[in-house]
Amino acid sequence: MIARILLLQTNGDEDAFGSVNDFFDSEVWLLIRNVTLFFVFVFWLASAFWVYKDAKRRIEDPWLLAMAVALGLFPPFLGPLIYMLFRPPEYVEDVRERELEIKAMEENLGGERCPVCRADVDDTFLACPVCTTKLKQACRRCKAPLEPLWQICPYCEAPVEATPRALEQL
């Protein structure tokens, strides 16, 4: 009798697992599995492509770019996460733009420059020592350099004659 009960229980278990086994042997399961594997593969390639596109904007060195793409491919799905942790924080374009802005600011802070040859000139220069361009007008009385908009010399109070160049700047 015990043997008969065990046999019935075994047959019941076979029926329960038999239907699960039948499902995994069916065409539906093969289709679901293949479509899932296809999407996993496409997602893997897409994540590697994203690593390539992002690294191309952040890394100039071709060897480092190749290493980043290899890391994006292998290990699958973990590589892009590792890349995100260690990628450069800025785009190459942003770094270049910032460097150009700093260079422009440094040039502006450097003092006056000749409008023709861009050589450094002092506020007291009447002419550029490099290209001999006339920079300022000299006072008739004390020979001090005058700014173009000045009406009188602030050093000797002599009236300033209006020159054609000073009139152009007005």
Protein backbone atom coordinates (compact mmCIF):
# COMPACT_ATOMS: atom_id res chain seq x y z
CA MET A 1 0.00 0.00 0.00
CA ILE A 2 2.81 2.36 0.84
CA ALA A 3 4.42 1.50 -2.47
CA ARG A 4 1.14 2.38 -4.26
CA ILE A 5 0.91 5.78 -2.47
CA LEU A 6 4.54 6.54 -3.37
CA LEU A 7 3.82 5.59 -6.96
CA LEU A 8 0.80 7.94 -7.07
CA GLN A 9 2.82 10.76 -5.55
CA THR A 10 5.61 10.18 -8.05
CA ASN A 11 3.13 10.25 -10.93
CA GLY A 12 1.69 13.52 -9.58
CA ASP A 13 5.16 15.01 -9.38
CA GLU A 14 5.88 13.86 -12.90
CA ASP A 15 2.73 15.56 -14.12
CA ALA A 16 3.65 18.82 -12.39
CA PHE A 17 7.22 18.81 -13.67
CA GLY A 18 6.14 17.24 -16.91
CA SER A 19 4.15 20.32 -17.89
CA VAL A 20 7.12 22.56 -17.03
CA ASN A 21 9.39 20.23 -18.98
CA ASP A 22 6.95 20.31 -21.89
CA PHE A 23 7.03 24.11 -21.86
CA PHE A 24 10.83 24.21 -22.06
CA ASP A 25 10.73 21.73 -24.96
CA SER A 26 8.14 23.77 -26.87
CA GLU A 27 8.58 26.15 -29.80
CA VAL A 28 7.25 29.06 -27.72
CA TRP A 29 10.11 28.69 -25.26
CA LEU A 30 12.67 28.58 -28.09
CA LEU A 31 11.20 31.74 -29.59
CA ILE A 32 11.18 33.58 -26.23
CA ARG A 33 14.75 32.48 -25.51
CA ASN A 34 16.07 33.48 -28.94
CA VAL A 35 14.36 36.88 -28.91
CA THR A 36 15.66 37.55 -25.39
CA LEU A 37 19.20 36.56 -26.39
CA PHE A 38 18.95 38.79 -29.46
CA PHE A 39 17.91 41.81 -27.38
CA VAL A 40 20.62 41.13 -24.80
CA PHE A 41 23.19 40.97 -27.62
CA VAL A 42 21.89 44.21 -29.19
CA PHE A 43 21.95 45.95 -25.80
CA TRP A 44 25.53 44.77 -25.26
CA LEU A 45 26.62 46.18 -28.64
CA ALA A 46 24.69 49.41 -28.00
CA SER A 47 26.41 49.91 -24.65
CA ALA A 48 29.81 49.32 -26.30
CA PHE A 49 28.88 51.84 -29.04
CA TRP A 50 27.88 54.38 -26.38
CA VAL A 51 31.27 53.91 -24.68
CA TYR A 52 32.96 54.53 -28.06
CA LYS A 53 30.97 57.71 -28.76
CA ASP A 54 31.48 59.08 -25.24
CA ALA A 55 35.18 58.20 -25.11
CA LYS A 56 35.74 59.79 -28.52
CA ARG A 57 34.48 63.12 -27.11
CA ARG A 58 36.52 62.83 -23.90
CA ILE A 59 39.83 61.17 -24.90
CA GLU A 60 42.33 62.41 -27.50
CA ASP A 61 44.88 59.58 -27.33
CA PRO A 62 43.94 56.81 -29.81
CA TRP A 63 45.40 54.07 -27.58
CA LEU A 64 43.36 55.16 -24.59
CA LEU A 65 40.30 55.39 -26.82
CA ALA A 66 40.86 51.80 -28.00
CA MET A 67 41.30 50.63 -24.42
CA ALA A 68 38.06 52.34 -23.37
CA VAL A 69 36.17 50.65 -26.22
CA ALA A 70 37.71 47.29 -25.31
CA LEU A 71 36.60 47.86 -21.73
CA GLY A 72 33.11 48.69 -23.05
CA LEU A 73 33.01 45.35 -24.86
CA PHE A 74 34.59 43.06 -22.28
CA PRO A 75 33.37 42.25 -19.65
CA PRO A 76 29.86 42.57 -21.08
CA PHE A 77 27.59 45.05 -19.26
CA LEU A 78 30.12 45.53 -16.48
CA GLY A 79 32.67 47.26 -18.73
CA PRO A 80 30.54 50.35 -19.45
CA LEU A 81 29.89 50.76 -15.72
CA ILE A 82 33.62 50.60 -15.01
CA TYR A 83 34.25 53.08 -17.85
CA MET A 84 31.70 55.48 -16.34
CA LEU A 85 33.59 55.44 -13.04
CA PHE A 86 36.99 56.21 -14.56
CA ARG A 87 36.22 58.31 -17.64
CA PRO A 88 37.61 61.87 -17.90
CA PRO A 89 35.22 64.35 -16.32
CA GLU A 90 35.22 66.85 -19.21
CA TYR A 91 34.85 66.78 -22.96
CA VAL A 92 38.00 67.61 -24.95
CA GLU A 93 36.12 70.48 -26.61
CA ASP A 94 35.29 72.04 -23.22
CA VAL A 95 38.91 71.75 -22.09
CA ARG A 96 40.15 73.50 -25.26
CA GLU A 97 37.54 76.24 -24.90
CA ARG A 98 38.51 76.87 -21.28
CA GLU A 99 42.21 77.00 -22.21
CA LEU A 100 41.47 79.55 -24.95
CA GLU A 101 39.47 81.67 -22.51
CA ILE A 102 42.32 81.58 -19.98
CA LYS A 103 44.83 82.52 -22.68
CA ALA A 104 42.64 85.44 -23.79
CA MET A 105 42.26 86.65 -20.20
CA GLU A 106 46.02 86.42 -19.65
CA GLU A 107 46.62 88.49 -22.77
CA ASN A 108 44.17 91.14 -21.56
CA LEU A 109 45.83 91.28 -18.15
CA GLY A 110 49.28 91.60 -19.68
CA GLY A 111 48.91 95.37 -20.19
CA GLU A 112 48.58 97.41 -23.33
CA ARG A 113 49.57 96.12 -26.72
CA CYS A 114 50.35 97.80 -30.00
CA PRO A 115 47.26 97.71 -32.25
CA VAL A 116 49.41 96.86 -35.28
CA CYS A 117 52.05 94.32 -34.16
CA ARG A 118 50.57 93.29 -30.76
CA ALA A 119 53.89 93.99 -29.01
CA ASP A 120 53.82 94.95 -25.33
CA VAL A 121 53.83 98.71 -24.88
CA ASP A 122 53.88 100.89 -21.79
CA ASP A 123 51.31 103.60 -21.01
CA THR A 124 54.02 106.22 -21.36
CA PHE A 125 55.11 105.20 -24.88
CA LEU A 126 54.34 107.65 -27.67
CA ALA A 127 55.22 105.13 -30.39
CA CYS A 128 55.63 101.37 -30.59
CA PRO A 129 59.30 100.44 -30.30
CA VAL A 130 58.82 97.44 -32.60
CA CYS A 131 56.82 98.74 -35.57
CA THR A 132 57.07 102.53 -34.93
CA THR A 133 53.30 103.02 -34.97
CA LYS A 134 52.30 106.28 -33.29
CA LEU A 135 50.35 105.32 -30.16
CA LYS A 136 49.71 108.65 -28.43
CA GLN A 137 50.08 112.32 -29.05
CA ALA A 138 52.71 114.27 -27.09
CA CYS A 139 51.86 117.45 -25.23
CA ARG A 140 53.23 120.53 -26.99
CA ARG A 141 54.56 122.04 -23.78
CA CYS A 142 55.72 119.18 -21.49
CA LYS A 143 55.93 116.32 -24.06
CA ALA A 144 53.91 113.94 -21.80
CA PRO A 145 51.79 111.28 -23.57
CA LEU A 146 48.15 112.31 -23.93
CA GLU A 147 45.05 110.17 -24.23
CA PRO A 148 42.98 110.79 -27.40
CA LEU A 149 39.93 112.21 -25.57
CA TRP A 150 41.76 114.64 -23.31
CA GLN A 151 41.01 118.36 -23.81
CA ILE A 152 43.95 119.63 -21.74
CA CYS A 153 47.21 118.12 -20.57
CA PRO A 154 46.74 116.96 -16.95
CA TYR A 155 50.44 117.56 -16.24
CA CYS A 156 50.93 121.15 -17.43
CA GLU A 157 47.35 122.31 -18.19
CA ALA A 158 48.19 123.16 -21.80
CA PRO A 159 45.26 122.90 -24.24
CA VAL A 160 45.40 119.85 -26.53
CA GLU A 161 45.01 120.29 -30.26
CA ALA A 162 42.48 117.92 -31.82
CA THR A 163 44.19 115.62 -34.30
CA PRO A 164 42.37 113.72 -37.06
CA ARG A 165 43.12 110.44 -35.24
CA ALA A 166 41.57 111.71 -32.00
CA LEU A 167 38.51 112.88 -33.90
CA GLU A 168 38.12 109.42 -35.48
CA GLN A 169 38.02 107.76 -32.06
CA LEU A 170 35.17 110.02 -30.92
